[in-house]
Amino acid sequence: MDATVAASLTFEAFLAWDDGTGRSFELRDGLPMPLSEPTAKHEDLIQRLCAY
């Protein structure tokens, strides 16, 4: 189940907001947007950076 927000949020309201799913969100134009999950390419890049 996805939680919806009827009105745009302020930054302070966004910090206190929790949709209960455990996902990470970013605030874009007053609306919480879910962050994408990392792909294998992201993980490969992080491993290379850590190796340096």
PDB file of N, CA and C in Angstrom:
ATOM      1  N   MET A   1       0.841  -1.169   0.000  1.00  0.00           N
ATOM      2  CA  MET A   1       0.000   0.000   0.000  1.00  0.00           C
ATOM      3  C   MET A   1       0.889   1.236   0.000  1.00  0.00           C
ATOM      4  N   ASP A   2       0.583   2.190  -0.870  1.00  0.00           N
ATOM      5  CA  ASP A   2       1.350   3.429  -0.954  1.00  0.00           C
ATOM      6  C   ASP A   2       0.608   4.544  -0.238  1.00  0.00           C
ATOM      7  N   ALA A   3       1.359   5.339   0.497  1.00  0.00           N
ATOM      8  CA  ALA A   3       0.786   6.510   1.161  1.00  0.00           C
ATOM      9  C   ALA A   3       0.822   7.679   0.189  1.00  0.00           C
ATOM     10  N   THR A   4      -0.203   8.491   0.198  1.00  0.00           N
ATOM     11  CA  THR A   4      -0.241   9.660  -0.664  1.00  0.00           C
ATOM     12  C   THR A   4      -0.267  10.909   0.200  1.00  0.00           C
ATOM     13  N   VAL A   5       0.215  11.982  -0.371  1.00  0.00           N
ATOM     14  CA  VAL A   5       0.242  13.274   0.305  1.00  0.00           C
ATOM     15  C   VAL A   5      -0.665  14.207  -0.479  1.00  0.00           C
ATOM     16  N   ALA A   6      -1.666  14.788   0.192  1.00  0.00           N
ATOM     17  CA  ALA A   6      -2.651  15.620  -0.491  1.00  0.00           C
ATOM     18  C   ALA A   6      -2.082  16.993  -0.860  1.00  0.00           C
ATOM     19  N   ALA A   7      -1.288  17.590   0.012  1.00  0.00           N
ATOM     20  CA  ALA A   7      -0.741  18.920  -0.225  1.00  0.00           C
ATOM     21  C   ALA A   7       0.780  18.848  -0.222  1.00  0.00           C
ATOM     22  N   SER A   8       1.407  19.863  -0.807  1.00  0.00           N
ATOM     23  CA  SER A   8       2.870  19.877  -0.814  1.00  0.00           C
ATOM     24  C   SER A   8       3.388  20.072   0.615  1.00  0.00           C
ATOM     25  N   LEU A   9       4.555  19.507   0.866  1.00  0.00           N
ATOM     26  CA  LEU A   9       5.149  19.544   2.199  1.00  0.00           C
ATOM     27  C   LEU A   9       6.241  20.600   2.280  1.00  0.00           C
ATOM     28  N   THR A  10       6.385  21.185   3.443  1.00  0.00           N
ATOM     29  CA  THR A  10       7.549  22.028   3.709  1.00  0.00           C
ATOM     30  C   THR A  10       8.701  21.096   4.060  1.00  0.00           C
ATOM     31  N   PHE A  11       9.911  21.633   4.087  1.00  0.00           N
ATOM     32  CA  PHE A  11      11.069  20.815   4.425  1.00  0.00           C
ATOM     33  C   PHE A  11      10.938  20.244   5.831  1.00  0.00           C
ATOM     34  N   GLU A  12      10.487  21.051   6.787  1.00  0.00           N
ATOM     35  CA  GLU A  12      10.334  20.598   8.164  1.00  0.00           C
ATOM     36  C   GLU A  12       9.280  19.497   8.256  1.00  0.00           C
ATOM     37  N   ALA A  13       8.168  19.652   7.525  1.00  0.00           N
ATOM     38  CA  ALA A  13       7.122  18.627   7.531  1.00  0.00           C
ATOM     39  C   ALA A  13       7.624  17.346   6.874  1.00  0.00           C
ATOM     40  N   PHE A  14       8.452  17.477   5.835  1.00  0.00           N
ATOM     41  CA  PHE A  14       9.012  16.309   5.168  1.00  0.00           C
ATOM     42  C   PHE A  14       9.921  15.523   6.107  1.00  0.00           C
ATOM     43  N   LEU A  15      10.724  16.229   6.909  1.00  0.00           N
ATOM     44  CA  LEU A  15      11.610  15.550   7.855  1.00  0.00           C
ATOM     45  C   LEU A  15      10.818  14.743   8.881  1.00  0.00           C
ATOM     46  N   ALA A  16       9.638  15.203   9.242  1.00  0.00           N
ATOM     47  CA  ALA A  16       8.812  14.503  10.224  1.00  0.00           C
ATOM     48  C   ALA A  16       7.891  13.472   9.573  1.00  0.00           C
ATOM     49  N   TRP A  17       7.761  13.500   8.244  1.00  0.00           N
ATOM     50  CA  TRP A  17       6.836  12.626   7.523  1.00  0.00           C
ATOM     51  C   TRP A  17       7.380  11.203   7.424  1.00  0.00           C
ATOM     52  N   ASP A  18       6.507  10.218   7.587  1.00  0.00           N
ATOM     53  CA  ASP A  18       6.881   8.808   7.445  1.00  0.00           C
ATOM     54  C   ASP A  18       5.709   8.088   6.801  1.00  0.00           C
ATOM     55  N   ASP A  19       5.974   7.397   5.681  1.00  0.00           N
ATOM     56  CA  ASP A  19       4.879   6.695   5.013  1.00  0.00           C
ATOM     57  C   ASP A  19       4.713   5.272   5.531  1.00  0.00           C
ATOM     58  N   GLY A  20       5.640   4.820   6.374  1.00  0.00           N
ATOM     59  CA  GLY A  20       5.518   3.515   6.989  1.00  0.00           C
ATOM     60  C   GLY A  20       6.055   2.361   6.159  1.00  0.00           C
ATOM     61  N   THR A  21       6.641   2.620   4.982  1.00  0.00           N
ATOM     62  CA  THR A  21       7.145   1.537   4.136  1.00  0.00           C
ATOM     63  C   THR A  21       8.615   1.253   4.359  1.00  0.00           C
ATOM     64  N   GLY A  22       9.354   2.167   4.961  1.00  0.00           N
ATOM     65  CA  GLY A  22      10.780   1.980   5.155  1.00  0.00           C
ATOM     66  C   GLY A  22      11.615   2.395   3.954  1.00  0.00           C
ATOM     67  N   ARG A  23      10.990   2.889   2.887  1.00  0.00           N
ATOM     68  CA  ARG A  23      11.727   3.346   1.701  1.00  0.00           C
ATOM     69  C   ARG A  23      12.308   4.726   1.950  1.00  0.00           C
ATOM     70  N   SER A  24      13.309   5.080   1.168  1.00  0.00           N
ATOM     71  CA  SER A  24      13.909   6.414   1.246  1.00  0.00           C
ATOM     72  C   SER A  24      13.238   7.323   0.221  1.00  0.00           C
ATOM     73  N   PHE A  25      13.026   8.566   0.594  1.00  0.00           N
ATOM     74  CA  PHE A  25      12.376   9.544  -0.272  1.00  0.00           C
ATOM     75  C   PHE A  25      13.213  10.808  -0.349  1.00  0.00           C
ATOM     76  N   GLU A  26      13.023  11.567  -1.416  1.00  0.00           N
ATOM     77  CA  GLU A  26      13.587  12.904  -1.521  1.00  0.00           C
ATOM     78  C   GLU A  26      12.418  13.866  -1.729  1.00  0.00           C
ATOM     79  N   LEU A  27      12.601  15.105  -1.345  1.00  0.00           N
ATOM     80  CA  LEU A  27      11.558  16.116  -1.494  1.00  0.00           C
ATOM     81  C   LEU A  27      11.805  16.861  -2.789  1.00  0.00           C
ATOM     82  N   ARG A  28      10.860  16.770  -3.721  1.00  0.00           N
ATOM     83  CA  ARG A  28      10.990  17.427  -5.021  1.00  0.00           C
ATOM     84  C   ARG A  28       9.738  18.265  -5.267  1.00  0.00           C
ATOM     85  N   ASP A  29       9.919  19.570  -5.330  1.00  0.00           N
ATOM     86  CA  ASP A  29       8.805  20.513  -5.532  1.00  0.00           C
ATOM     87  C   ASP A  29       7.695  20.309  -4.509  1.00  0.00           C
ATOM     88  N   GLY A  30       8.078  20.024  -3.276  1.00  0.00           N
ATOM     89  CA  GLY A  30       7.113  19.872  -2.204  1.00  0.00           C
ATOM     90  C   GLY A  30       6.480  18.498  -2.118  1.00  0.00           C
ATOM     91  N   LEU A  31       6.844  17.575  -3.003  1.00  0.00           N
ATOM     92  CA  LEU A  31       6.264  16.238  -2.993  1.00  0.00           C
ATOM     93  C   LEU A  31       7.335  15.194  -2.703  1.00  0.00           C
ATOM     94  N   PRO A  32       7.040  14.237  -1.822  1.00  0.00           N
ATOM     95  CA  PRO A  32       8.016  13.183  -1.561  1.00  0.00           C
ATOM     96  C   PRO A  32       8.075  12.215  -2.741  1.00  0.00           C
ATOM     97  N   MET A  33       9.278  11.979  -3.254  1.00  0.00           N
ATOM     98  CA  MET A  33       9.481  11.075  -4.387  1.00  0.00           C
ATOM     99  C   MET A  33      10.367   9.925  -3.921  1.00  0.00           C
ATOM    100  N   PRO A  34       9.963   8.665  -4.177  1.00  0.00           N
ATOM    101  CA  PRO A  34      10.789   7.543  -3.740  1.00  0.00           C
ATOM    102  C   PRO A  34      12.101   7.487  -4.511  1.00  0.00           C
ATOM    103  N   LEU A  35      13.165   7.139  -3.814  1.00  0.00           N
ATOM    104  CA  LEU A  35      14.471   6.980  -4.447  1.00  0.00           C
ATOM    105  C   LEU A  35      14.540   5.606  -5.108  1.00  0.00           C
ATOM    106  N   SER A  36      15.231   5.516  -6.242  1.00  0.00           N
ATOM    107  CA  SER A  36      15.374   4.224  -6.914  1.00  0.00           C
ATOM    108  C   SER A  36      16.359   3.344  -6.162  1.00  0.00           C
ATOM    109  N   GLU A  37      16.158   2.065  -6.311  1.00  0.00           N
ATOM    110  CA  GLU A  37      17.068   1.095  -5.713  1.00  0.00           C
ATOM    111  C   GLU A  37      18.349   1.039  -6.544  1.00  0.00           C
ATOM    112  N   PRO A  38      19.489   0.805  -5.923  1.00  0.00           N
ATOM    113  CA  PRO A  38      20.740   0.728  -6.680  1.00  0.00           C
ATOM    114  C   PRO A  38      20.758  -0.498  -7.595  1.00  0.00           C
ATOM    115  N   THR A  39      21.397  -0.350  -8.747  1.00  0.00           N
ATOM    116  CA  THR A  39      21.525  -1.454  -9.693  1.00  0.00           C
ATOM    117  C   THR A  39      22.896  -2.096  -9.537  1.00  0.00           C
ATOM    118  N   ALA A  40      23.144  -3.151 -10.300  1.00  0.00           N
ATOM    119  CA  ALA A  40      24.445  -3.819 -10.272  1.00  0.00           C
ATOM    120  C   ALA A  40      25.552  -2.861 -10.710  1.00  0.00           C
ATOM    121  N   LYS A  41      25.249  -1.970 -11.652  1.00  0.00           N
ATOM    122  CA  LYS A  41      26.252  -0.992 -12.100  1.00  0.00           C
ATOM    123  C   LYS A  41      26.645  -0.056 -10.961  1.00  0.00           C
ATOM    124  N   HIS A  42      25.673   0.350 -10.144  1.00  0.00           N
ATOM    125  CA  HIS A  42      25.966   1.199  -8.988  1.00  0.00           C
ATOM    126  C   HIS A  42      26.909   0.467  -8.035  1.00  0.00           C
ATOM    127  N   GLU A  43      26.600  -0.799  -7.768  1.00  0.00           N
ATOM    128  CA  GLU A  43      27.410  -1.564  -6.839  1.00  0.00           C
ATOM    129  C   GLU A  43      28.821  -1.774  -7.379  1.00  0.00           C
ATOM    130  N   ASP A  44      28.964  -2.015  -8.682  1.00  0.00           N
ATOM    131  CA  ASP A  44      30.291  -2.166  -9.291  1.00  0.00           C
ATOM    132  C   ASP A  44      31.104  -0.883  -9.151  1.00  0.00           C
ATOM    133  N   LEU A  45      30.464   0.250  -9.379  1.00  0.00           N
ATOM    134  CA  LEU A  45      31.147   1.532  -9.264  1.00  0.00           C
ATOM    135  C   LEU A  45      31.622   1.773  -7.837  1.00  0.00           C
ATOM    136  N   ILE A  46      30.782   1.475  -6.871  1.00  0.00           N
ATOM    137  CA  ILE A  46      31.152   1.660  -5.466  1.00  0.00           C
ATOM    138  C   ILE A  46      32.337   0.768  -5.104  1.00  0.00           C
ATOM    139  N   GLN A  47      32.321  -0.479  -5.586  1.00  0.00           N
ATOM    140  CA  GLN A  47      33.453  -1.373  -5.315  1.00  0.00           C
ATOM    141  C   GLN A  47      34.751  -0.828  -5.896  1.00  0.00           C
ATOM    142  N   ARG A  48      34.688  -0.268  -7.103  1.00  0.00           N
ATOM    143  CA  ARG A  48      35.896   0.311  -7.723  1.00  0.00           C
ATOM    144  C   ARG A  48      36.389   1.517  -6.933  1.00  0.00           C
ATOM    145  N   LEU A  49      35.447   2.360  -6.501  1.00  0.00           N
ATOM    146  CA  LEU A  49      35.833   3.550  -5.723  1.00  0.00           C
ATOM    147  C   LEU A  49      36.472   3.148  -4.398  1.00  0.00           C
ATOM    148  N   CYS A  50      35.933   2.126  -3.766  1.00  0.00           N
ATOM    149  CA  CYS A  50      36.497   1.658  -2.498  1.00  0.00           C
ATOM    150  C   CYS A  50      37.890   1.066  -2.705  1.00  0.00           C
ATOM    151  N   ALA A  51      38.118   0.450  -3.861  1.00  0.00           N
ATOM    152  CA  ALA A  51      39.425  -0.144  -4.139  1.00  0.00           C
ATOM    153  C   ALA A  51      40.490   0.928  -4.294  1.00  0.00           C
ATOM    154  N   TYR A  52      40.103   2.123  -4.792  1.00  0.00           N
ATOM    155  CA  TYR A  52      41.070   3.206  -4.955  1.00  0.00           C
ATOM    156  C   TYR A  52      41.451   3.748  -3.605  1.00  0.00           C
TER     157      TYR A  52
END
